Amino acid sequence: MALAMIAQAIIGQPTEALRVGVQVLTLSELKHRQRAFLTECLRNKARSTQGTYNRCLNRFGHWLEQRGGYCPMTRAAMDDYVDYLVVEEDLQSRTVATYVTALRQFCKYLVSTGFLPNDPTAHMKSIARPAARSTQPLTESEIYALLEVVDTSTRIGKRDFAIIYGLLYAGLTVSEIERANVGDLEQSLLGVHLRVGGARNSRMTQSVPLDEPVVHKIRAYLETRPARSLTDPLFLSHSHRSNGGRLDARSLRRRIANYLAKARVQRQGVTTKSLTLTALVLWLSDGKSMDDIRSRVRARGLNKKIAQLRKSGLVPRSATTER
């Protein structure tokens, strides 16, 4: 009788949750427990600490929402969440460690209140500080495989194809693509450039040269949007939920991750950042001058990055670094 009542109470939820002793956390329950946790456990902490924990749990809530608004609080589910942070969100190891710490403290609180029978994050002690992951560029065969899986017959496919070209062949970053507007494309006698900013809210800008294949893909996408102004985002979201809004970095990374998975490019160290790094490898392999490369790269530590690529045998030894 008890088993039947449990099954009825969580009907439609994951099969894993049907096991006796597994508690299901819903999105509404998370919000309720989150407020209580911040009030009861962090009331004597600094506001900055409270804000950090709140943001971390809000991210967990976003992941929960993507899963349908609930999930069984099991070890496997918690591991899935960490994989989401590392692979789909492509977060730095320190950032992942902060999210993991907040989740562990929250789960300890849920155990202390009797909501959870046991702590599903107890095993996470060893990964509270994940090892740094070295970003790996794509190989030539992986580039071809990635480009092959994009359906360019649709507007979304044309958009994604242009984005991938921008990452692979112009060295653009996800944040630069997210912030770019139509008016940032500049045509001059020297060719087409994309005006990109520095850090968010920074007034410093740089004009990045775009080679013709990249320009062609961007224009092919823009032709599917006849009504546009200079202040419109260069890349729009075309989902039913946010059609016409700016394509955000989180959605962009998720789409690239899906394409990489579809192309079976899933070795360790390959993320969305790999595409931007691949651009540097291609430029060095093509023998571009350091002055040309510097006009295309905004990241710090260029010489160190090139030295690491040379040491790994990913670029020719003739690719020199200048101080």
C-alpha atoms as a PDB file:
ATOM      1  CA  MET A   1       0.000   0.000   0.000  1.00  0.00           C
ATOM      2  CA  ALA A   2       2.818   2.396   0.953  1.00  0.00           C
ATOM      3  CA  LEU A   3       4.666   1.673  -2.285  1.00  0.00           C
ATOM      4  CA  ALA A   4       1.540   2.356  -4.305  1.00  0.00           C
ATOM      5  CA  MET A   5       1.087   5.715  -2.568  1.00  0.00           C
ATOM      6  CA  ILE A   6       4.697   6.697  -3.247  1.00  0.00           C
ATOM      7  CA  ALA A   7       4.402   5.742  -6.908  1.00  0.00           C
ATOM      8  CA  GLN A   8       1.161   7.673  -7.233  1.00  0.00           C
ATOM      9  CA  ALA A   9       2.667  10.758  -5.602  1.00  0.00           C
ATOM     10  CA  ILE A  10       5.539  10.956  -8.055  1.00  0.00           C
ATOM     11  CA  ILE A  11       3.845   9.665 -11.178  1.00  0.00           C
ATOM     12  CA  GLY A  12       5.404  10.985 -14.348  1.00  0.00           C
ATOM     13  CA  GLN A  13       8.746  11.617 -12.658  1.00  0.00           C
ATOM     14  CA  PRO A  14      12.006   9.742 -13.337  1.00  0.00           C
ATOM     15  CA  THR A  15      11.938   5.980 -12.841  1.00  0.00           C
ATOM     16  CA  GLU A  16      14.890   6.312 -10.461  1.00  0.00           C
ATOM     17  CA  ALA A  17      12.640   8.254  -8.093  1.00  0.00           C
ATOM     18  CA  LEU A  18      10.333   5.260  -7.665  1.00  0.00           C
ATOM     19  CA  ARG A  19      12.899   3.603  -5.423  1.00  0.00           C
ATOM     20  CA  VAL A  20      11.970   3.719  -1.750  1.00  0.00           C
ATOM     21  CA  GLY A  21      14.002   6.300   0.179  1.00  0.00           C
ATOM     22  CA  VAL A  22      14.742   8.561  -2.809  1.00  0.00           C
ATOM     23  CA  GLN A  23      13.425  12.087  -2.369  1.00  0.00           C
ATOM     24  CA  VAL A  24      12.363  14.141  -5.376  1.00  0.00           C
ATOM     25  CA  LEU A  25      13.147  17.852  -5.367  1.00  0.00           C
ATOM     26  CA  THR A  26      10.802  20.051  -7.379  1.00  0.00           C
ATOM     27  CA  LEU A  27      11.591  23.560  -8.570  1.00  0.00           C
ATOM     28  CA  SER A  28       9.022  25.136  -6.251  1.00  0.00           C
ATOM     29  CA  GLU A  29      10.337  23.093  -3.307  1.00  0.00           C
ATOM     30  CA  LEU A  30      13.882  24.198  -4.144  1.00  0.00           C
ATOM     31  CA  LYS A  31      12.899  27.876  -4.004  1.00  0.00           C
ATOM     32  CA  HIS A  32      11.165  27.382  -0.681  1.00  0.00           C
ATOM     33  CA  ARG A  33      14.064  25.437   0.861  1.00  0.00           C
ATOM     34  CA  GLN A  34      16.607  27.820  -0.655  1.00  0.00           C
ATOM     35  CA  ARG A  35      15.085  30.822   1.108  1.00  0.00           C
ATOM     36  CA  ALA A  36      15.039  28.935   4.401  1.00  0.00           C
ATOM     37  CA  PHE A  37      18.662  27.819   3.927  1.00  0.00           C
ATOM     38  CA  LEU A  38      19.872  31.374   3.302  1.00  0.00           C
ATOM     39  CA  THR A  39      17.950  32.654   6.316  1.00  0.00           C
ATOM     40  CA  GLU A  40      18.792  29.923   8.792  1.00  0.00           C
ATOM     41  CA  CYS A  41      22.328  28.924   7.819  1.00  0.00           C
ATOM     42  CA  LEU A  42      23.864  32.053   6.311  1.00  0.00           C
ATOM     43  CA  ARG A  43      22.325  34.843   8.361  1.00  0.00           C
ATOM     44  CA  ASN A  44      25.678  35.593  10.034  1.00  0.00           C
ATOM     45  CA  LYS A  45      27.639  35.450   6.774  1.00  0.00           C
ATOM     46  CA  ALA A  46      28.682  38.451   4.702  1.00  0.00           C
ATOM     47  CA  ARG A  47      26.241  39.670   2.076  1.00  0.00           C
ATOM     48  CA  SER A  48      28.708  38.750  -0.643  1.00  0.00           C
ATOM     49  CA  THR A  49      28.784  35.155   0.644  1.00  0.00           C
ATOM     50  CA  GLN A  50      24.991  35.016   0.793  1.00  0.00           C
ATOM     51  CA  GLY A  51      24.839  36.364  -2.762  1.00  0.00           C
ATOM     52  CA  THR A  52      27.293  33.746  -4.024  1.00  0.00           C
ATOM     53  CA  TYR A  53      25.320  30.880  -2.470  1.00  0.00           C
ATOM     54  CA  ASN A  54      22.075  32.296  -3.824  1.00  0.00           C
ATOM     55  CA  ARG A  55      23.468  32.556  -7.370  1.00  0.00           C
ATOM     56  CA  CYS A  56      24.853  29.032  -7.171  1.00  0.00           C
ATOM     57  CA  LEU A  57      21.509  27.599  -6.106  1.00  0.00           C
ATOM     58  CA  ASN A  58      19.739  29.638  -8.783  1.00  0.00           C
ATOM     59  CA  ARG A  59      21.964  27.911 -11.347  1.00  0.00           C
ATOM     60  CA  PHE A  60      20.988  24.561  -9.858  1.00  0.00           C
ATOM     61  CA  GLY A  61      17.356  25.654 -10.207  1.00  0.00           C
ATOM     62  CA  HIS A  62      17.906  26.487 -13.876  1.00  0.00           C
ATOM     63  CA  TRP A  63      19.285  22.989 -14.437  1.00  0.00           C
ATOM     64  CA  LEU A  64      16.323  21.572 -12.533  1.00  0.00           C
ATOM     65  CA  GLU A  65      13.951  23.480 -14.803  1.00  0.00           C
ATOM     66  CA  GLN A  66      15.639  22.020 -17.882  1.00  0.00           C
ATOM     67  CA  ARG A  67      14.983  18.535 -16.516  1.00  0.00           C
ATOM     68  CA  GLY A  68      11.253  19.215 -16.296  1.00  0.00           C
ATOM     69  CA  GLY A  69      11.142  20.997 -12.947  1.00  0.00           C
ATOM     70  CA  TYR A  70      12.175  18.098 -10.700  1.00  0.00           C
ATOM     71  CA  CYS A  71      14.808  15.439 -10.187  1.00  0.00           C
ATOM     72  CA  PRO A  72      15.526  12.591  -7.766  1.00  0.00           C
ATOM     73  CA  MET A  73      18.163  13.650  -5.232  1.00  0.00           C
ATOM     74  CA  THR A  74      20.539  10.815  -5.978  1.00  0.00           C
ATOM     75  CA  ARG A  75      24.269  10.512  -6.449  1.00  0.00           C
ATOM     76  CA  ALA A  76      23.810   9.907 -10.186  1.00  0.00           C
ATOM     77  CA  ALA A  77      21.701  13.059 -10.570  1.00  0.00           C
ATOM     78  CA  MET A  78      24.286  15.162  -8.741  1.00  0.00           C
ATOM     79  CA  ASP A  79      27.004  13.803 -11.036  1.00  0.00           C
ATOM     80  CA  ASP A  80      24.815  14.768 -14.003  1.00  0.00           C
ATOM     81  CA  TYR A  81      24.666  18.304 -12.647  1.00  0.00           C
ATOM     82  CA  VAL A  82      28.444  18.547 -12.403  1.00  0.00           C
ATOM     83  CA  ASP A  83      28.747  17.219 -15.969  1.00  0.00           C
ATOM     84  CA  TYR A  84      26.305  19.929 -17.041  1.00  0.00           C
ATOM     85  CA  LEU A  85      28.482  22.624 -15.438  1.00  0.00           C
ATOM     86  CA  VAL A  86      31.701  21.278 -16.942  1.00  0.00           C
ATOM     87  CA  VAL A  87      30.569  20.203 -20.413  1.00  0.00           C
ATOM     88  CA  GLU A  88      27.491  22.213 -21.386  1.00  0.00           C
ATOM     89  CA  GLU A  89      28.221  25.417 -19.464  1.00  0.00           C
ATOM     90  CA  ASP A  90      31.987  25.094 -20.036  1.00  0.00           C
ATOM     91  CA  LEU A  91      32.775  26.729 -16.701  1.00  0.00           C
ATOM     92  CA  GLN A  92      36.233  27.145 -15.245  1.00  0.00           C
ATOM     93  CA  SER A  93      37.295  24.621 -12.594  1.00  0.00           C
ATOM     94  CA  ARG A  94      37.213  27.179  -9.781  1.00  0.00           C
ATOM     95  CA  THR A  95      33.703  28.218 -10.726  1.00  0.00           C
ATOM     96  CA  VAL A  96      32.545  24.600 -10.800  1.00  0.00           C
ATOM     97  CA  ALA A  97      34.122  24.116  -7.384  1.00  0.00           C
ATOM     98  CA  THR A  98      32.098  27.031  -6.010  1.00  0.00           C
ATOM     99  CA  TYR A  99      28.833  25.592  -7.363  1.00  0.00           C
ATOM    100  CA  VAL A 100      29.673  22.165  -5.958  1.00  0.00           C
ATOM    101  CA  THR A 101      30.467  23.623  -2.523  1.00  0.00           C
ATOM    102  CA  ALA A 102      27.164  25.504  -2.421  1.00  0.00           C
ATOM    103  CA  LEU A 103      25.228  22.410  -3.454  1.00  0.00           C
ATOM    104  CA  ARG A 104      26.934  20.261  -0.823  1.00  0.00           C
ATOM    105  CA  GLN A 105      26.146  22.737   1.954  1.00  0.00           C
ATOM    106  CA  PHE A 106      22.543  22.986   0.783  1.00  0.00           C
ATOM    107  CA  CYS A 107      22.140  19.204   0.743  1.00  0.00           C
ATOM    108  CA  LYS A 108      23.608  18.947   4.247  1.00  0.00           C
ATOM    109  CA  TYR A 109      20.961  21.430   5.344  1.00  0.00           C
ATOM    110  CA  LEU A 110      18.211  19.373   3.665  1.00  0.00           C
ATOM    111  CA  VAL A 111      19.429  16.304   5.548  1.00  0.00           C
ATOM    112  CA  SER A 112      19.455  18.197   8.858  1.00  0.00           C
ATOM    113  CA  THR A 113      15.839  19.279   8.324  1.00  0.00           C
ATOM    114  CA  GLY A 114      14.751  15.736   7.501  1.00  0.00           C
ATOM    115  CA  PHE A 115      13.813  16.525   3.896  1.00  0.00           C
ATOM    116  CA  LEU A 116      16.531  14.184   2.582  1.00  0.00           C
ATOM    117  CA  PRO A 117      17.140  10.765   4.143  1.00  0.00           C
ATOM    118  CA  ASN A 118      20.812  10.925   3.129  1.00  0.00           C
ATOM    119  CA  ASP A 119      23.252  13.296   1.444  1.00  0.00           C
ATOM    120  CA  PRO A 120      23.528  12.640  -2.343  1.00  0.00           C
ATOM    121  CA  THR A 121      26.603  14.890  -2.531  1.00  0.00           C
ATOM    122  CA  ALA A 122      28.643  13.113   0.175  1.00  0.00           C
ATOM    123  CA  HIS A 123      30.836  11.492  -2.499  1.00  0.00           C
ATOM    124  CA  MET A 124      31.691  14.864  -4.006  1.00  0.00           C
ATOM    125  CA  LYS A 125      34.433  15.645  -1.514  1.00  0.00           C
ATOM    126  CA  SER A 126      37.049  14.401  -3.952  1.00  0.00           C
ATOM    127  CA  ILE A 127      35.788  16.633  -6.755  1.00  0.00           C
ATOM    128  CA  ALA A 128      35.111  19.754  -4.751  1.00  0.00           C
ATOM    129  CA  ARG A 129      38.134  21.189  -6.565  1.00  0.00           C
ATOM    130  CA  PRO A 130      37.978  19.701 -10.077  1.00  0.00           C
ATOM    131  CA  ALA A 131      41.263  19.339 -11.874  1.00  0.00           C
ATOM    132  CA  ALA A 132      41.943  21.976 -14.491  1.00  0.00           C
ATOM    133  CA  ARG A 133      41.050  20.801 -17.968  1.00  0.00           C
ATOM    134  CA  SER A 134      43.363  21.618 -20.825  1.00  0.00           C
ATOM    135  CA  THR A 135      41.399  22.847 -23.834  1.00  0.00           C
ATOM    136  CA  GLN A 136      42.262  20.901 -26.978  1.00  0.00           C
ATOM    137  CA  PRO A 137      41.902  22.195 -30.554  1.00  0.00           C
ATOM    138  CA  LEU A 138      40.000  20.199 -33.145  1.00  0.00           C
ATOM    139  CA  THR A 139      41.812  18.067 -35.675  1.00  0.00           C
ATOM    140  CA  GLU A 140      41.212  18.474 -39.395  1.00  0.00           C
ATOM    141  CA  SER A 141      38.935  15.426 -39.514  1.00  0.00           C
ATOM    142  CA  GLU A 142      36.983  16.699 -36.495  1.00  0.00           C
ATOM    143  CA  ILE A 143      36.462  20.075 -38.172  1.00  0.00           C
ATOM    144  CA  TYR A 144      35.009  18.375 -41.245  1.00  0.00           C
ATOM    145  CA  ALA A 145      32.815  16.117 -39.103  1.00  0.00           C
ATOM    146  CA  LEU A 146      31.474  19.125 -37.173  1.00  0.00           C
ATOM    147  CA  LEU A 147      30.661  21.126 -40.301  1.00  0.00           C
ATOM    148  CA  GLU A 148      28.949  18.115 -41.870  1.00  0.00           C
ATOM    149  CA  VAL A 149      26.333  17.729 -39.126  1.00  0.00           C
ATOM    150  CA  VAL A 150      24.933  21.274 -39.450  1.00  0.00           C
ATOM    151  CA  ASP A 151      21.768  21.454 -41.563  1.00  0.00           C
ATOM    152  CA  THR A 152      22.229  24.682 -43.522  1.00  0.00           C
ATOM    153  CA  SER A 153      18.856  24.410 -45.255  1.00  0.00           C
ATOM    154  CA  THR A 154      17.144  26.103 -42.295  1.00  0.00           C
ATOM    155  CA  ARG A 155      17.497  29.594 -40.845  1.00  0.00           C
ATOM    156  CA  ILE A 156      18.727  28.207 -37.530  1.00  0.00           C
ATOM    157  CA  GLY A 157      21.205  26.001 -39.383  1.00  0.00           C
ATOM    158  CA  LYS A 158      22.534  28.986 -41.343  1.00  0.00           C
ATOM    159  CA  ARG A 159      22.898  30.912 -38.088  1.00  0.00           C
ATOM    160  CA  ASP A 160      24.741  28.095 -36.351  1.00  0.00           C
ATOM    161  CA  PHE A 161      26.955  27.509 -39.389  1.00  0.00           C
ATOM    162  CA  ALA A 162      27.943  31.196 -39.390  1.00  0.00           C
ATOM    163  CA  ILE A 163      28.673  31.051 -35.659  1.00  0.00           C
ATOM    164  CA  ILE A 164      30.829  27.940 -36.030  1.00  0.00           C
ATOM    165  CA  TYR A 165      32.747  29.601 -38.865  1.00  0.00           C
ATOM    166  CA  GLY A 166      33.235  32.676 -36.697  1.00  0.00           C
ATOM    167  CA  LEU A 167      34.670  30.531 -33.913  1.00  0.00           C
ATOM    168  CA  LEU A 168      36.789  28.273 -36.119  1.00  0.00           C
ATOM    169  CA  TYR A 169      38.115  30.705 -38.688  1.00  0.00           C
ATOM    170  CA  ALA A 170      37.882  34.165 -37.085  1.00  0.00           C
ATOM    171  CA  GLY A 171      38.847  33.169 -33.551  1.00  0.00           C
ATOM    172  CA  LEU A 172      35.787  34.854 -32.069  1.00  0.00           C
ATOM    173  CA  THR A 173      34.782  33.974 -28.532  1.00  0.00           C
ATOM    174  CA  VAL A 174      31.312  33.020 -27.333  1.00  0.00           C
ATOM    175  CA  SER A 175      30.926  36.297 -25.431  1.00  0.00           C
ATOM    176  CA  GLU A 176      31.934  38.327 -28.500  1.00  0.00           C
ATOM    177  CA  ILE A 177      29.373  36.518 -30.632  1.00  0.00           C
ATOM    178  CA  GLU A 178      26.711  37.036 -27.980  1.00  0.00           C
ATOM    179  CA  ARG A 179      27.318  40.802 -27.765  1.00  0.00           C
ATOM    180  CA  ALA A 180      27.787  41.509 -31.489  1.00  0.00           C
ATOM    181  CA  ASN A 181      25.221  43.691 -33.271  1.00  0.00           C
ATOM    182  CA  VAL A 182      24.498  43.981 -36.968  1.00  0.00           C
ATOM    183  CA  GLY A 183      26.102  47.431 -36.967  1.00  0.00           C
ATOM    184  CA  ASP A 184      29.359  45.991 -35.676  1.00  0.00           C
ATOM    185  CA  LEU A 185      30.045  44.556 -39.137  1.00  0.00           C
ATOM    186  CA  GLU A 186      32.209  47.180 -40.860  1.00  0.00           C
ATOM    187  CA  GLN A 187      33.082  47.259 -44.563  1.00  0.00           C
ATOM    188  CA  SER A 188      36.192  49.169 -45.642  1.00  0.00           C
ATOM    189  CA  LEU A 189      38.786  49.139 -48.394  1.00  0.00           C
ATOM    190  CA  LEU A 190      40.717  46.651 -46.268  1.00  0.00           C
ATOM    191  CA  GLY A 191      37.812  44.221 -46.144  1.00  0.00           C
ATOM    192  CA  VAL A 192      35.171  43.331 -43.562  1.00  0.00           C
ATOM    193  CA  HIS A 193      35.855  43.678 -39.859  1.00  0.00           C
ATOM    194  CA  LEU A 194      33.770  42.930 -36.788  1.00  0.00           C
ATOM    195  CA  ARG A 195      33.936  45.478 -34.003  1.00  0.00           C
ATOM    196  CA  VAL A 196      34.199  43.582 -30.711  1.00  0.00           C
ATOM    197  CA  GLY A 197      34.373  44.866 -27.155  1.00  0.00           C
ATOM    198  CA  GLY A 198      36.594  43.928 -24.268  1.00  0.00           C
ATOM    199  CA  ALA A 199      35.108  42.724 -21.021  1.00  0.00           C
ATOM    200  CA  ARG A 200      31.392  43.256 -20.463  1.00  0.00           C
ATOM    201  CA  ASN A 201      30.570  46.975 -20.071  1.00  0.00           C
ATOM    202  CA  SER A 202      34.052  47.908 -21.290  1.00  0.00           C
ATOM    203  CA  ARG A 203      34.320  50.828 -23.715  1.00  0.00           C
ATOM    204  CA  MET A 204      37.443  49.414 -25.343  1.00  0.00           C
ATOM    205  CA  THR A 205      36.801  47.932 -28.772  1.00  0.00           C
ATOM    206  CA  GLN A 206      38.839  46.263 -31.472  1.00  0.00           C
ATOM    207  CA  SER A 207      38.108  45.623 -35.136  1.00  0.00           C
ATOM    208  CA  VAL A 208      38.746  41.977 -35.972  1.00  0.00           C
ATOM    209  CA  PRO A 209      39.345  41.069 -39.629  1.00  0.00           C
ATOM    210  CA  LEU A 210      36.939  38.508 -41.058  1.00  0.00           C
ATOM    211  CA  ASP A 211      38.050  36.390 -43.998  1.00  0.00           C
ATOM    212  CA  GLU A 212      35.674  35.958 -46.932  1.00  0.00           C
ATOM    213  CA  PRO A 213      34.380  32.458 -45.999  1.00  0.00           C
ATOM    214  CA  VAL A 214      33.286  33.780 -42.596  1.00  0.00           C
ATOM    215  CA  VAL A 215      31.695  36.885 -44.111  1.00  0.00           C
ATOM    216  CA  HIS A 216      29.856  34.755 -46.660  1.00  0.00           C
ATOM    217  CA  LYS A 217      28.321  32.542 -43.961  1.00  0.00           C
ATOM    218  CA  ILE A 218      27.247  35.529 -41.848  1.00  0.00           C
ATOM    219  CA  ARG A 219      25.638  37.256 -44.835  1.00  0.00           C
ATOM    220  CA  ALA A 220      23.846  34.051 -45.839  1.00  0.00           C
ATOM    221  CA  TYR A 221      22.262  34.016 -42.394  1.00  0.00           C
ATOM    222  CA  LEU A 222      21.435  37.737 -42.381  1.00  0.00           C
ATOM    223  CA  GLU A 223      19.636  37.328 -45.722  1.00  0.00           C
ATOM    224  CA  THR A 224      17.074  35.189 -43.881  1.00  0.00           C
ATOM    225  CA  ARG A 225      16.305  38.268 -41.724  1.00  0.00           C
ATOM    226  CA  PRO A 226      15.258  40.981 -44.204  1.00  0.00           C
ATOM    227  CA  ALA A 227      13.958  43.332 -41.499  1.00  0.00           C
ATOM    228  CA  ARG A 228      16.902  44.362 -39.339  1.00  0.00           C
ATOM    229  CA  SER A 229      18.520  47.488 -37.912  1.00  0.00           C
ATOM    230  CA  LEU A 230      22.119  48.265 -36.970  1.00  0.00           C
ATOM    231  CA  THR A 231      21.327  47.861 -33.278  1.00  0.00           C
ATOM    232  CA  ASP A 232      19.787  44.402 -33.695  1.00  0.00           C
ATOM    233  CA  PRO A 233      21.801  41.429 -32.406  1.00  0.00           C
ATOM    234  CA  LEU A 234      23.958  39.881 -35.098  1.00  0.00           C
ATOM    235  CA  PHE A 235      22.719  36.447 -34.046  1.00  0.00           C
ATOM    236  CA  LEU A 236      19.146  36.029 -32.866  1.00  0.00           C
ATOM    237  CA  SER A 237      17.442  33.329 -30.880  1.00  0.00           C
ATOM    238  CA  HIS A 238      14.838  31.624 -33.093  1.00  0.00           C
ATOM    239  CA  SER A 239      13.334  29.412 -30.420  1.00  0.00           C
ATOM    240  CA  HIS A 240       9.616  29.569 -29.697  1.00  0.00           C
ATOM    241  CA  ARG A 241      10.379  30.832 -26.210  1.00  0.00           C
ATOM    242  CA  SER A 242      12.625  33.788 -27.065  1.00  0.00           C
ATOM    243  CA  ASN A 243      12.189  34.323 -30.805  1.00  0.00           C
ATOM    244  CA  GLY A 244      13.763  37.602 -31.864  1.00  0.00           C
ATOM    245  CA  GLY A 245      15.873  38.054 -28.739  1.00  0.00           C
ATOM    246  CA  ARG A 246      19.634  37.927 -28.498  1.00  0.00           C
ATOM    247  CA  LEU A 247      21.141  34.442 -28.631  1.00  0.00           C
ATOM    248  CA  ASP A 248      22.747  34.115 -25.205  1.00  0.00           C
ATOM    249  CA  ALA A 249      26.072  32.469 -24.449  1.00  0.00           C
ATOM    250  CA  ARG A 250      24.506  29.603 -22.506  1.00  0.00           C
ATOM    251  CA  SER A 251      22.276  28.570 -25.418  1.00  0.00           C
ATOM    252  CA  LEU A 252      25.166  28.979 -27.838  1.00  0.00           C
ATOM    253  CA  ARG A 253      27.446  26.690 -25.840  1.00  0.00           C
ATOM    254  CA  ARG A 254      24.679  24.132 -25.528  1.00  0.00           C
ATOM    255  CA  ARG A 255      24.092  24.101 -29.291  1.00  0.00           C
ATOM    256  CA  ILE A 256      27.806  23.729 -30.040  1.00  0.00           C
ATOM    257  CA  ALA A 257      28.035  20.895 -27.499  1.00  0.00           C
ATOM    258  CA  ASN A 258      25.120  19.158 -29.223  1.00  0.00           C
ATOM    259  CA  TYR A 259      26.800  19.512 -32.625  1.00  0.00           C
ATOM    260  CA  LEU A 260      30.078  18.146 -31.247  1.00  0.00           C
ATOM    261  CA  ALA A 261      28.206  15.178 -29.782  1.00  0.00           C
ATOM    262  CA  LYS A 262      26.376  14.592 -33.055  1.00  0.00           C
ATOM    263  CA  ALA A 263      29.699  14.687 -34.915  1.00  0.00           C
ATOM    264  CA  ARG A 264      31.134  12.221 -32.350  1.00  0.00           C
ATOM    265  CA  VAL A 265      33.789  14.729 -31.317  1.00  0.00           C
ATOM    266  CA  GLN A 266      33.716  14.049 -27.587  1.00  0.00           C
ATOM    267  CA  ARG A 267      37.286  13.451 -26.450  1.00  0.00           C
ATOM    268  CA  GLN A 268      38.558  14.994 -23.244  1.00  0.00           C
ATOM    269  CA  GLY A 269      39.410  18.682 -23.468  1.00  0.00           C
ATOM    270  CA  VAL A 270      37.092  19.429 -26.395  1.00  0.00           C
ATOM    271  CA  THR A 271      34.542  22.156 -25.597  1.00  0.00           C
ATOM    272  CA  THR A 272      33.189  25.255 -27.299  1.00  0.00           C
ATOM    273  CA  LYS A 273      36.487  26.972 -26.457  1.00  0.00           C
ATOM    274  CA  SER A 274      38.234  24.384 -28.617  1.00  0.00           C
ATOM    275  CA  LEU A 275      36.818  26.027 -31.737  1.00  0.00           C
ATOM    276  CA  THR A 276      38.351  29.402 -30.861  1.00  0.00           C
ATOM    277  CA  LEU A 277      41.689  27.738 -30.078  1.00  0.00           C
ATOM    278  CA  THR A 278      41.502  25.872 -33.383  1.00  0.00           C
ATOM    279  CA  ALA A 279      41.536  29.212 -35.220  1.00  0.00           C
ATOM    280  CA  LEU A 280      44.942  30.007 -33.702  1.00  0.00           C
ATOM    281  CA  VAL A 281      46.280  26.590 -34.721  1.00  0.00           C
ATOM    282  CA  LEU A 282      45.044  27.091 -38.294  1.00  0.00           C
ATOM    283  CA  TRP A 283      46.617  30.547 -38.547  1.00  0.00           C
ATOM    284  CA  LEU A 284      49.956  29.324 -37.283  1.00  0.00           C
ATOM    285  CA  SER A 285      49.868  26.305 -39.577  1.00  0.00           C
ATOM    286  CA  ASP A 286      49.114  28.585 -42.538  1.00  0.00           C
ATOM    287  CA  GLY A 287      52.169  30.687 -41.727  1.00  0.00           C
ATOM    288  CA  LYS A 288      50.384  33.914 -40.801  1.00  0.00           C
ATOM    289  CA  SER A 289      52.655  36.586 -39.356  1.00  0.00           C
ATOM    290  CA  MET A 290      52.589  37.379 -35.666  1.00  0.00           C
ATOM    291  CA  ASP A 291      51.368  40.906 -36.439  1.00  0.00           C
ATOM    292  CA  ASP A 292      48.422  39.468 -38.366  1.00  0.00           C
ATOM    293  CA  ILE A 293      47.641  36.988 -35.591  1.00  0.00           C
ATOM    294  CA  ARG A 294      47.795  39.714 -32.942  1.00  0.00           C
ATOM    295  CA  SER A 295      45.230  41.701 -34.908  1.00  0.00           C
ATOM    296  CA  ARG A 296      42.892  38.739 -34.666  1.00  0.00           C
ATOM    297  CA  VAL A 297      43.443  37.554 -31.079  1.00  0.00           C
ATOM    298  CA  ARG A 298      42.221  39.400 -27.981  1.00  0.00           C
ATOM    299  CA  ALA A 299      43.221  36.811 -25.372  1.00  0.00           C
ATOM    300  CA  ARG A 300      46.098  37.468 -23.017  1.00  0.00           C
ATOM    301  CA  GLY A 301      49.135  35.221 -22.913  1.00  0.00           C
ATOM    302  CA  LEU A 302      49.354  34.678 -26.671  1.00  0.00           C
ATOM    303  CA  ASN A 303      53.068  33.836 -26.600  1.00  0.00           C
ATOM    304  CA  LYS A 304      52.571  31.317 -23.799  1.00  0.00           C
ATOM    305  CA  LYS A 305      49.657  29.728 -25.631  1.00  0.00           C
ATOM    306  CA  ILE A 306      51.687  29.381 -28.827  1.00  0.00           C
ATOM    307  CA  ALA A 307      54.595  27.892 -26.885  1.00  0.00           C
ATOM    308  CA  GLN A 308      52.264  25.304 -25.360  1.00  0.00           C
ATOM    309  CA  LEU A 309      50.889  24.408 -28.797  1.00  0.00           C
ATOM    310  CA  ARG A 310      54.419  23.991 -30.145  1.00  0.00           C
ATOM    311  CA  LYS A 311      55.389  21.817 -27.176  1.00  0.00           C
ATOM    312  CA  SER A 312      52.355  19.622 -27.803  1.00  0.00           C
ATOM    313  CA  GLY A 313      53.279  19.282 -31.466  1.00  0.00           C
ATOM    314  CA  LEU A 314      50.001  20.904 -32.558  1.00  0.00           C
ATOM    315  CA  VAL A 315      51.680  23.661 -34.594  1.00  0.00           C
ATOM    316  CA  PRO A 316      54.894  23.709 -36.626  1.00  0.00           C
ATOM    317  CA  ARG A 317      58.119  24.358 -34.719  1.00  0.00           C
ATOM    318  CA  SER A 318      58.692  27.281 -37.072  1.00  0.00           C
ATOM    319  CA  ALA A 319      55.796  29.147 -35.431  1.00  0.00           C
ATOM    320  CA  THR A 320      57.798  31.650 -33.429  1.00  0.00           C
ATOM    321  CA  THR A 321      56.885  33.656 -30.370  1.00  0.00           C
ATOM    322  CA  GLU A 322      57.946  37.250 -29.949  1.00  0.00           C
ATOM    323  CA  ARG A 323      58.421  39.106 -26.690  1.00  0.00           C
END
